[in-house]
């Protein structure tokens, strides 16, 4: 199916390349400590890295849908990794970035329009939904590789904290996305296996699924359980709560440069 997509439809967007460049330059500034404001450099590195991961998340949905039978994906511009091509830029990019700034939570994006009627087979539909959050999982594993490989010698302290915080955002996005709640990818994974009657009953609630999840997260007991689960996953990846804490502290550069304690 991929052969039906033109080379132009698959050309990587300058917008995405610009995001990668910002991530690279700001990462270098954090690594070398050459920025006048280490916190601002961390902020740019984390935000640009987060948006890059959102683009890859949506690309994974689109690419899997293409191979599943939806050849309209190319014409929509989804294979260029250009976030401006998404159906709802505010939902896919702007809102997730705001949530990161406000609360350090990796809000699931999700706004590529897939023509599901072109795709045959329940497994294909499930895989299309799973492809996005699996990208966040892969990103988290890659970012934490220095931690779980024990290869932190020579890695600057602030850069280590920035990596930890960016990885935590990937973990929160993956966990939230995999929840079997209408409107999230987790429900998309199981939806093809539900009866037609159940799907019809659930469909009206899909637009409110994400709002419901964040409403529940405001409950202190639920919030505690959620972040305990995040900390557990991060520890399994070799990252301590100390490192993610300081990563977020540097990220919030507008509060002033944090004073590291021994």
C-alpha atoms as a PDB file:
ATOM      1  CA  UNK A   1       0.000   0.000   0.000  1.00  0.00           C
ATOM      2  CA  UNK A   2       2.864   2.376   0.736  1.00  0.00           C
ATOM      3  CA  UNK A   3       3.778   2.454  -2.967  1.00  0.00           C
ATOM      4  CA  UNK A   4       0.523   4.396  -3.608  1.00  0.00           C
ATOM      5  CA  UNK A   5       1.973   7.362  -1.713  1.00  0.00           C
ATOM      6  CA  UNK A   6       4.066   9.842  -3.673  1.00  0.00           C
ATOM      7  CA  UNK A   7       7.545  10.877  -2.663  1.00  0.00           C
ATOM      8  CA  UNK A   8       6.253  14.379  -1.959  1.00  0.00           C
ATOM      9  CA  UNK A   9       3.681  13.007   0.482  1.00  0.00           C
ATOM     10  CA  UNK A  10       6.482  11.225   2.370  1.00  0.00           C
ATOM     11  CA  UNK A  11       8.964  14.107   2.435  1.00  0.00           C
ATOM     12  CA  UNK A  12       9.843  15.165   5.977  1.00  0.00           C
ATOM     13  CA  UNK A  13       8.470  18.601   6.771  1.00  0.00           C
ATOM     14  CA  UNK A  14      10.823  21.551   7.443  1.00  0.00           C
ATOM     15  CA  UNK A  15       8.637  22.251  10.496  1.00  0.00           C
ATOM     16  CA  UNK A  16       9.568  18.882  12.005  1.00  0.00           C
ATOM     17  CA  UNK A  17      13.229  19.304  11.054  1.00  0.00           C
ATOM     18  CA  UNK A  18      13.142  22.695  12.779  1.00  0.00           C
ATOM     19  CA  UNK A  19      11.792  21.074  15.951  1.00  0.00           C
ATOM     20  CA  UNK A  20      14.556  18.479  15.846  1.00  0.00           C
ATOM     21  CA  UNK A  21      17.126  21.250  15.367  1.00  0.00           C
ATOM     22  CA  UNK A  22      15.778  23.140  18.401  1.00  0.00           C
ATOM     23  CA  UNK A  23      15.931  19.948  20.437  1.00  0.00           C
ATOM     24  CA  UNK A  24      19.510  19.320  19.333  1.00  0.00           C
ATOM     25  CA  UNK A  25      20.779  22.866  19.945  1.00  0.00           C
ATOM     26  CA  UNK A  26      19.047  23.218  23.308  1.00  0.00           C
ATOM     27  CA  UNK A  27      20.245  19.750  24.328  1.00  0.00           C
ATOM     28  CA  UNK A  28      23.799  20.791  23.471  1.00  0.00           C
ATOM     29  CA  UNK A  29      23.331  23.972  25.550  1.00  0.00           C
ATOM     30  CA  UNK A  30      22.142  21.899  28.514  1.00  0.00           C
ATOM     31  CA  UNK A  31      25.001  19.408  28.105  1.00  0.00           C
ATOM     32  CA  UNK A  32      27.749  22.036  27.876  1.00  0.00           C
ATOM     33  CA  UNK A  33      26.206  24.477  30.352  1.00  0.00           C
ATOM     34  CA  UNK A  34      26.790  27.234  27.807  1.00  0.00           C
ATOM     35  CA  UNK A  35      23.376  28.845  28.279  1.00  0.00           C
ATOM     36  CA  UNK A  36      23.075  31.930  30.455  1.00  0.00           C
ATOM     37  CA  UNK A  37      19.920  30.316  31.859  1.00  0.00           C
ATOM     38  CA  UNK A  38      20.243  26.529  32.306  1.00  0.00           C
ATOM     39  CA  UNK A  39      16.546  26.374  33.158  1.00  0.00           C
ATOM     40  CA  UNK A  40      15.510  28.016  29.897  1.00  0.00           C
ATOM     41  CA  UNK A  41      17.738  25.609  27.955  1.00  0.00           C
ATOM     42  CA  UNK A  42      16.098  22.677  29.757  1.00  0.00           C
ATOM     43  CA  UNK A  43      12.683  24.160  28.978  1.00  0.00           C
ATOM     44  CA  UNK A  44      13.449  24.385  25.255  1.00  0.00           C
ATOM     45  CA  UNK A  45      14.962  20.898  25.210  1.00  0.00           C
ATOM     46  CA  UNK A  46      12.006  19.286  26.972  1.00  0.00           C
ATOM     47  CA  UNK A  47       9.268  21.144  25.070  1.00  0.00           C
ATOM     48  CA  UNK A  48      10.851  20.565  21.659  1.00  0.00           C
ATOM     49  CA  UNK A  49      11.552  16.925  22.557  1.00  0.00           C
ATOM     50  CA  UNK A  50       7.967  16.518  23.728  1.00  0.00           C
ATOM     51  CA  UNK A  51       6.546  17.970  20.497  1.00  0.00           C
ATOM     52  CA  UNK A  52       8.881  15.736  18.451  1.00  0.00           C
ATOM     53  CA  UNK A  53       7.522  12.730  20.345  1.00  0.00           C
ATOM     54  CA  UNK A  54       3.942  13.878  19.663  1.00  0.00           C
ATOM     55  CA  UNK A  55       4.743  14.077  15.949  1.00  0.00           C
ATOM     56  CA  UNK A  56       6.220  10.571  16.029  1.00  0.00           C
ATOM     57  CA  UNK A  57       3.179   9.346  17.958  1.00  0.00           C
ATOM     58  CA  UNK A  58       0.812  10.597  15.255  1.00  0.00           C
ATOM     59  CA  UNK A  59       3.140   9.403  12.491  1.00  0.00           C
ATOM     60  CA  UNK A  60       3.022   5.893  13.943  1.00  0.00           C
ATOM     61  CA  UNK A  61      -0.792   5.927  13.806  1.00  0.00           C
ATOM     62  CA  UNK A  62      -0.714   7.200  10.220  1.00  0.00           C
ATOM     63  CA  UNK A  63       1.999   4.882   8.946  1.00  0.00           C
ATOM     64  CA  UNK A  64       0.304   1.831  10.449  1.00  0.00           C
ATOM     65  CA  UNK A  65      -3.020   2.908   8.939  1.00  0.00           C
ATOM     66  CA  UNK A  66      -1.337   3.292   5.541  1.00  0.00           C
ATOM     67  CA  UNK A  67      -0.044  -0.271   5.639  1.00  0.00           C
ATOM     68  CA  UNK A  68      -3.429  -1.380   6.946  1.00  0.00           C
ATOM     69  CA  UNK A  69      -5.198  -0.101   3.842  1.00  0.00           C
ATOM     70  CA  UNK A  70      -5.924   3.629   4.253  1.00  0.00           C
ATOM     71  CA  UNK A  71      -4.054   5.069   1.280  1.00  0.00           C
ATOM     72  CA  UNK A  72      -5.658   8.486   1.856  1.00  0.00           C
ATOM     73  CA  UNK A  73      -3.137   9.105   4.662  1.00  0.00           C
ATOM     74  CA  UNK A  74      -0.462  10.418   2.292  1.00  0.00           C
ATOM     75  CA  UNK A  75      -2.643  13.111   0.745  1.00  0.00           C
ATOM     76  CA  UNK A  76      -3.533  14.409   4.208  1.00  0.00           C
ATOM     77  CA  UNK A  77       0.131  15.170   4.906  1.00  0.00           C
ATOM     78  CA  UNK A  78       0.413  12.944   7.979  1.00  0.00           C
ATOM     79  CA  UNK A  79       3.527  11.167   6.704  1.00  0.00           C
ATOM     80  CA  UNK A  80       5.526  14.412   6.572  1.00  0.00           C
ATOM     81  CA  UNK A  81       5.630  14.640  10.389  1.00  0.00           C
ATOM     82  CA  UNK A  82       4.281  18.188  10.107  1.00  0.00           C
ATOM     83  CA  UNK A  83       2.202  18.925  13.244  1.00  0.00           C
ATOM     84  CA  UNK A  84       0.349  21.683  11.367  1.00  0.00           C
ATOM     85  CA  UNK A  85      -1.280  19.005   9.205  1.00  0.00           C
ATOM     86  CA  UNK A  86      -3.113  17.373  12.083  1.00  0.00           C
ATOM     87  CA  UNK A  87      -6.892  17.575  12.248  1.00  0.00           C
ATOM     88  CA  UNK A  88      -6.814  19.477  15.551  1.00  0.00           C
ATOM     89  CA  UNK A  89      -3.498  21.244  16.129  1.00  0.00           C
ATOM     90  CA  UNK A  90      -4.770  22.546  19.473  1.00  0.00           C
ATOM     91  CA  UNK A  91      -5.554  19.038  20.748  1.00  0.00           C
ATOM     92  CA  UNK A  92      -2.442  17.414  19.330  1.00  0.00           C
ATOM     93  CA  UNK A  93       0.213  20.020  20.108  1.00  0.00           C
ATOM     94  CA  UNK A  94      -0.926  23.167  21.948  1.00  0.00           C
ATOM     95  CA  UNK A  95      -2.927  21.516  24.737  1.00  0.00           C
ATOM     96  CA  UNK A  96      -0.286  18.838  25.517  1.00  0.00           C
ATOM     97  CA  UNK A  97       2.414  21.522  25.772  1.00  0.00           C
ATOM     98  CA  UNK A  98       0.220  23.612  28.108  1.00  0.00           C
ATOM     99  CA  UNK A  99      -0.357  20.588  30.343  1.00  0.00           C
ATOM    100  CA  UNK A 100       3.379  19.913  30.502  1.00  0.00           C
ATOM    101  CA  UNK A 101       4.016  23.523  31.522  1.00  0.00           C
ATOM    102  CA  UNK A 102       1.222  23.570  34.083  1.00  0.00           C
ATOM    103  CA  UNK A 103       1.495  20.182  35.692  1.00  0.00           C
ATOM    104  CA  UNK A 104       4.265  18.081  34.225  1.00  0.00           C
ATOM    105  CA  UNK A 105       1.799  15.560  32.765  1.00  0.00           C
ATOM    106  CA  UNK A 106       2.227  14.034  29.324  1.00  0.00           C
ATOM    107  CA  UNK A 107      -1.237  14.688  27.904  1.00  0.00           C
ATOM    108  CA  UNK A 108      -2.087  12.276  25.072  1.00  0.00           C
ATOM    109  CA  UNK A 109      -2.439  14.008  21.746  1.00  0.00           C
ATOM    110  CA  UNK A 110      -4.294  12.419  18.896  1.00  0.00           C
ATOM    111  CA  UNK A 111      -5.746  14.077  15.851  1.00  0.00           C
ATOM    112  CA  UNK A 112      -4.980  12.184  12.661  1.00  0.00           C
ATOM    113  CA  UNK A 113      -8.133  11.318  10.781  1.00  0.00           C
ATOM    114  CA  UNK A 114      -8.054   7.700   9.650  1.00  0.00           C
ATOM    115  CA  UNK A 115     -10.642   6.382   7.214  1.00  0.00           C
ATOM    116  CA  UNK A 116     -11.387   3.215   9.124  1.00  0.00           C
ATOM    117  CA  UNK A 117     -13.783   1.846   6.501  1.00  0.00           C
ATOM    118  CA  UNK A 118     -10.788   1.277   4.218  1.00  0.00           C
ATOM    119  CA  UNK A 119      -9.187  -1.086   6.734  1.00  0.00           C
ATOM    120  CA  UNK A 120     -10.160  -4.734   6.990  1.00  0.00           C
ATOM    121  CA  UNK A 121      -9.438  -6.908   9.997  1.00  0.00           C
ATOM    122  CA  UNK A 122      -9.810  -6.284  13.719  1.00  0.00           C
ATOM    123  CA  UNK A 123      -6.127  -6.857  14.411  1.00  0.00           C
ATOM    124  CA  UNK A 124      -5.192  -4.066  11.989  1.00  0.00           C
ATOM    125  CA  UNK A 125      -7.540  -1.627  13.707  1.00  0.00           C
ATOM    126  CA  UNK A 126      -6.125  -2.543  17.118  1.00  0.00           C
ATOM    127  CA  UNK A 127      -2.543  -2.184  15.914  1.00  0.00           C
ATOM    128  CA  UNK A 128      -3.257   1.252  14.440  1.00  0.00           C
ATOM    129  CA  UNK A 129      -4.510   2.453  17.829  1.00  0.00           C
ATOM    130  CA  UNK A 130      -1.636   0.853  19.735  1.00  0.00           C
ATOM    131  CA  UNK A 131       1.079   2.226  17.437  1.00  0.00           C
ATOM    132  CA  UNK A 132       0.983   5.742  18.920  1.00  0.00           C
ATOM    133  CA  UNK A 133       1.457   4.959  22.619  1.00  0.00           C
ATOM    134  CA  UNK A 134       3.966   2.236  21.725  1.00  0.00           C
ATOM    135  CA  UNK A 135       6.024   5.040  20.178  1.00  0.00           C
ATOM    136  CA  UNK A 136       5.973   6.838  23.537  1.00  0.00           C
ATOM    137  CA  UNK A 137       7.134   3.604  25.182  1.00  0.00           C
ATOM    138  CA  UNK A 138      10.017   3.312  22.708  1.00  0.00           C
ATOM    139  CA  UNK A 139      10.936   6.978  23.250  1.00  0.00           C
ATOM    140  CA  UNK A 140      10.959   6.477  27.033  1.00  0.00           C
ATOM    141  CA  UNK A 141      13.192   3.407  26.745  1.00  0.00           C
ATOM    142  CA  UNK A 142      15.610   5.290  24.468  1.00  0.00           C
ATOM    143  CA  UNK A 143      15.760   8.365  26.734  1.00  0.00           C
ATOM    144  CA  UNK A 144      16.409   6.269  29.831  1.00  0.00           C
ATOM    145  CA  UNK A 145      18.991   4.003  28.160  1.00  0.00           C
ATOM    146  CA  UNK A 146      21.918   5.740  29.932  1.00  0.00           C
ATOM    147  CA  UNK A 147      20.177   5.076  33.265  1.00  0.00           C
ATOM    148  CA  UNK A 148      19.310   1.394  32.903  1.00  0.00           C
ATOM    149  CA  UNK A 149      22.577   0.662  31.089  1.00  0.00           C
ATOM    150  CA  UNK A 150      24.573   2.299  33.879  1.00  0.00           C
ATOM    151  CA  UNK A 151      26.209   4.627  31.353  1.00  0.00           C
ATOM    152  CA  UNK A 152      25.872   7.925  33.224  1.00  0.00           C
ATOM    153  CA  UNK A 153      29.603   8.521  33.681  1.00  0.00           C
ATOM    154  CA  UNK A 154      30.435  11.801  32.009  1.00  0.00           C
ATOM    155  CA  UNK A 155      26.793  12.827  31.578  1.00  0.00           C
ATOM    156  CA  UNK A 156      26.336  16.344  33.021  1.00  0.00           C
ATOM    157  CA  UNK A 157      24.035  16.487  36.009  1.00  0.00           C
ATOM    158  CA  UNK A 158      21.496  18.952  34.607  1.00  0.00           C
ATOM    159  CA  UNK A 159      21.315  17.084  31.288  1.00  0.00           C
ATOM    160  CA  UNK A 160      20.595  13.883  33.216  1.00  0.00           C
ATOM    161  CA  UNK A 161      17.726  15.575  35.026  1.00  0.00           C
ATOM    162  CA  UNK A 162      16.321  16.954  31.753  1.00  0.00           C
ATOM    163  CA  UNK A 163      16.399  13.472  30.205  1.00  0.00           C
ATOM    164  CA  UNK A 164      14.643  12.043  33.253  1.00  0.00           C
ATOM    165  CA  UNK A 165      11.826  14.584  33.114  1.00  0.00           C
ATOM    166  CA  UNK A 166      11.316  14.183  29.355  1.00  0.00           C
ATOM    167  CA  UNK A 167      11.237  10.404  29.809  1.00  0.00           C
ATOM    168  CA  UNK A 168       8.650  10.740  32.569  1.00  0.00           C
ATOM    169  CA  UNK A 169       6.395  12.661  30.171  1.00  0.00           C
ATOM    170  CA  UNK A 170       6.629   9.745  27.725  1.00  0.00           C
ATOM    171  CA  UNK A 171       5.673   7.289  30.454  1.00  0.00           C
ATOM    172  CA  UNK A 172       2.659   9.349  31.556  1.00  0.00           C
ATOM    173  CA  UNK A 173       1.526   9.708  27.933  1.00  0.00           C
ATOM    174  CA  UNK A 174       1.835   5.965  27.323  1.00  0.00           C
ATOM    175  CA  UNK A 175      -0.046   5.001  30.488  1.00  0.00           C
ATOM    176  CA  UNK A 176      -2.840   7.536  29.920  1.00  0.00           C
ATOM    177  CA  UNK A 177      -3.156   6.601  26.260  1.00  0.00           C
ATOM    178  CA  UNK A 178      -3.435   2.895  27.012  1.00  0.00           C
ATOM    179  CA  UNK A 179      -6.369   3.395  29.386  1.00  0.00           C
ATOM    180  CA  UNK A 180      -9.448   1.649  27.895  1.00  0.00           C
ATOM    181  CA  UNK A 181     -11.424   4.890  27.979  1.00  0.00           C
ATOM    182  CA  UNK A 182     -13.478   6.050  24.967  1.00  0.00           C
ATOM    183  CA  UNK A 183     -11.538   8.649  23.037  1.00  0.00           C
ATOM    184  CA  UNK A 184      -8.135   7.257  24.047  1.00  0.00           C
ATOM    185  CA  UNK A 185      -5.968   4.788  22.145  1.00  0.00           C
ATOM    186  CA  UNK A 186      -6.495   2.069  24.741  1.00  0.00           C
ATOM    187  CA  UNK A 187     -10.179   1.984  23.897  1.00  0.00           C
ATOM    188  CA  UNK A 188      -9.275   1.989  20.200  1.00  0.00           C
ATOM    189  CA  UNK A 189      -7.302  -1.207  20.790  1.00  0.00           C
ATOM    190  CA  UNK A 190     -10.265  -3.084  22.266  1.00  0.00           C
ATOM    191  CA  UNK A 191     -13.072  -1.418  20.302  1.00  0.00           C
ATOM    192  CA  UNK A 192     -12.865  -3.717  17.243  1.00  0.00           C
ATOM    193  CA  UNK A 193     -13.495  -6.690  19.531  1.00  0.00           C
ATOM    194  CA  UNK A 194     -16.644  -5.257  21.103  1.00  0.00           C
ATOM    195  CA  UNK A 195     -20.144  -5.914  19.825  1.00  0.00           C
ATOM    196  CA  UNK A 196     -21.770  -3.405  17.511  1.00  0.00           C
ATOM    197  CA  UNK A 197     -24.369  -2.601  20.196  1.00  0.00           C
ATOM    198  CA  UNK A 198     -21.731  -1.775  22.810  1.00  0.00           C
ATOM    199  CA  UNK A 199     -19.774   0.404  20.368  1.00  0.00           C
ATOM    200  CA  UNK A 200     -22.887   2.359  19.474  1.00  0.00           C
ATOM    201  CA  UNK A 201     -23.709   2.935  23.146  1.00  0.00           C
ATOM    202  CA  UNK A 202     -20.192   4.130  23.960  1.00  0.00           C
ATOM    203  CA  UNK A 203     -19.660   6.310  20.872  1.00  0.00           C
ATOM    204  CA  UNK A 204     -21.414   9.479  22.188  1.00  0.00           C
ATOM    205  CA  UNK A 205     -19.065   9.585  25.199  1.00  0.00           C
ATOM    206  CA  UNK A 206     -15.806   9.423  23.211  1.00  0.00           C
ATOM    207  CA  UNK A 207     -15.290  13.226  22.999  1.00  0.00           C
ATOM    208  CA  UNK A 208     -15.435  13.473  26.794  1.00  0.00           C
ATOM    209  CA  UNK A 209     -13.204  10.529  27.689  1.00  0.00           C
ATOM    210  CA  UNK A 210     -10.007  12.524  28.127  1.00  0.00           C
ATOM    211  CA  UNK A 211     -11.774  15.208  30.183  1.00  0.00           C
ATOM    212  CA  UNK A 212     -13.198  12.486  32.426  1.00  0.00           C
ATOM    213  CA  UNK A 213      -9.727  11.002  32.959  1.00  0.00           C
ATOM    214  CA  UNK A 214      -8.267  14.319  34.052  1.00  0.00           C
ATOM    215  CA  UNK A 215     -11.272  15.013  36.208  1.00  0.00           C
ATOM    216  CA  UNK A 216     -10.658  11.728  38.025  1.00  0.00           C
ATOM    217  CA  UNK A 217      -6.961  12.564  38.352  1.00  0.00           C
ATOM    218  CA  UNK A 218      -7.939  15.605  40.417  1.00  0.00           C
ATOM    219  CA  UNK A 219      -9.113  13.224  43.131  1.00  0.00           C
ATOM    220  CA  UNK A 220      -6.141  13.167  45.558  1.00  0.00           C
ATOM    221  CA  UNK A 221      -6.255   9.410  46.186  1.00  0.00           C
ATOM    222  CA  UNK A 222      -6.357   8.623  42.456  1.00  0.00           C
ATOM    223  CA  UNK A 223      -3.632  11.164  41.740  1.00  0.00           C
ATOM    224  CA  UNK A 224      -1.417   9.522  44.368  1.00  0.00           C
ATOM    225  CA  UNK A 225      -1.921   6.058  42.900  1.00  0.00           C
ATOM    226  CA  UNK A 226      -1.267   7.349  39.375  1.00  0.00           C
ATOM    227  CA  UNK A 227       2.020   9.055  40.202  1.00  0.00           C
ATOM    228  CA  UNK A 228       3.111   6.124  42.368  1.00  0.00           C
ATOM    229  CA  UNK A 229       2.662   3.979  39.267  1.00  0.00           C
ATOM    230  CA  UNK A 230       4.690   6.485  37.214  1.00  0.00           C
ATOM    231  CA  UNK A 231       7.477   6.459  39.816  1.00  0.00           C
ATOM    232  CA  UNK A 232       7.443   2.661  39.803  1.00  0.00           C
ATOM    233  CA  UNK A 233       7.905   2.520  36.036  1.00  0.00           C
ATOM    234  CA  UNK A 234      10.639   5.155  36.160  1.00  0.00           C
ATOM    235  CA  UNK A 235      12.504   3.236  38.868  1.00  0.00           C
ATOM    236  CA  UNK A 236      12.249   0.098  36.717  1.00  0.00           C
ATOM    237  CA  UNK A 237      13.943   2.120  33.981  1.00  0.00           C
ATOM    238  CA  UNK A 238      16.709   3.129  36.378  1.00  0.00           C
ATOM    239  CA  UNK A 239      15.506   6.691  36.996  1.00  0.00           C
ATOM    240  CA  UNK A 240      15.006   7.939  40.534  1.00  0.00           C
ATOM    241  CA  UNK A 241      12.315  10.290  41.791  1.00  0.00           C
ATOM    242  CA  UNK A 242      15.127  12.689  42.699  1.00  0.00           C
ATOM    243  CA  UNK A 243      16.170  12.995  39.044  1.00  0.00           C
ATOM    244  CA  UNK A 244      12.668  13.593  37.678  1.00  0.00           C
ATOM    245  CA  UNK A 245      12.024  16.109  40.466  1.00  0.00           C
ATOM    246  CA  UNK A 246      15.040  18.220  39.612  1.00  0.00           C
ATOM    247  CA  UNK A 247      14.314  17.896  35.907  1.00  0.00           C
ATOM    248  CA  UNK A 248      10.938  19.507  36.477  1.00  0.00           C
ATOM    249  CA  UNK A 249      12.448  22.141  38.751  1.00  0.00           C
ATOM    250  CA  UNK A 250      14.920  23.225  36.045  1.00  0.00           C
ATOM    251  CA  UNK A 251      12.127  23.067  33.445  1.00  0.00           C
ATOM    252  CA  UNK A 252      10.165  25.693  35.402  1.00  0.00           C
ATOM    253  CA  UNK A 253      12.781  28.344  34.706  1.00  0.00           C
ATOM    254  CA  UNK A 254      10.264  31.158  35.315  1.00  0.00           C
ATOM    255  CA  UNK A 255      10.367  30.279  39.027  1.00  0.00           C
ATOM    256  CA  UNK A 256      14.099  31.013  39.145  1.00  0.00           C
ATOM    257  CA  UNK A 257      17.110  28.771  38.866  1.00  0.00           C
ATOM    258  CA  UNK A 258      16.846  25.917  41.388  1.00  0.00           C
ATOM    259  CA  UNK A 259      19.609  25.468  43.932  1.00  0.00           C
ATOM    260  CA  UNK A 260      20.733  21.860  43.850  1.00  0.00           C
ATOM    261  CA  UNK A 261      21.184  20.215  47.224  1.00  0.00           C
ATOM    262  CA  UNK A 262      23.654  17.382  47.858  1.00  0.00           C
END
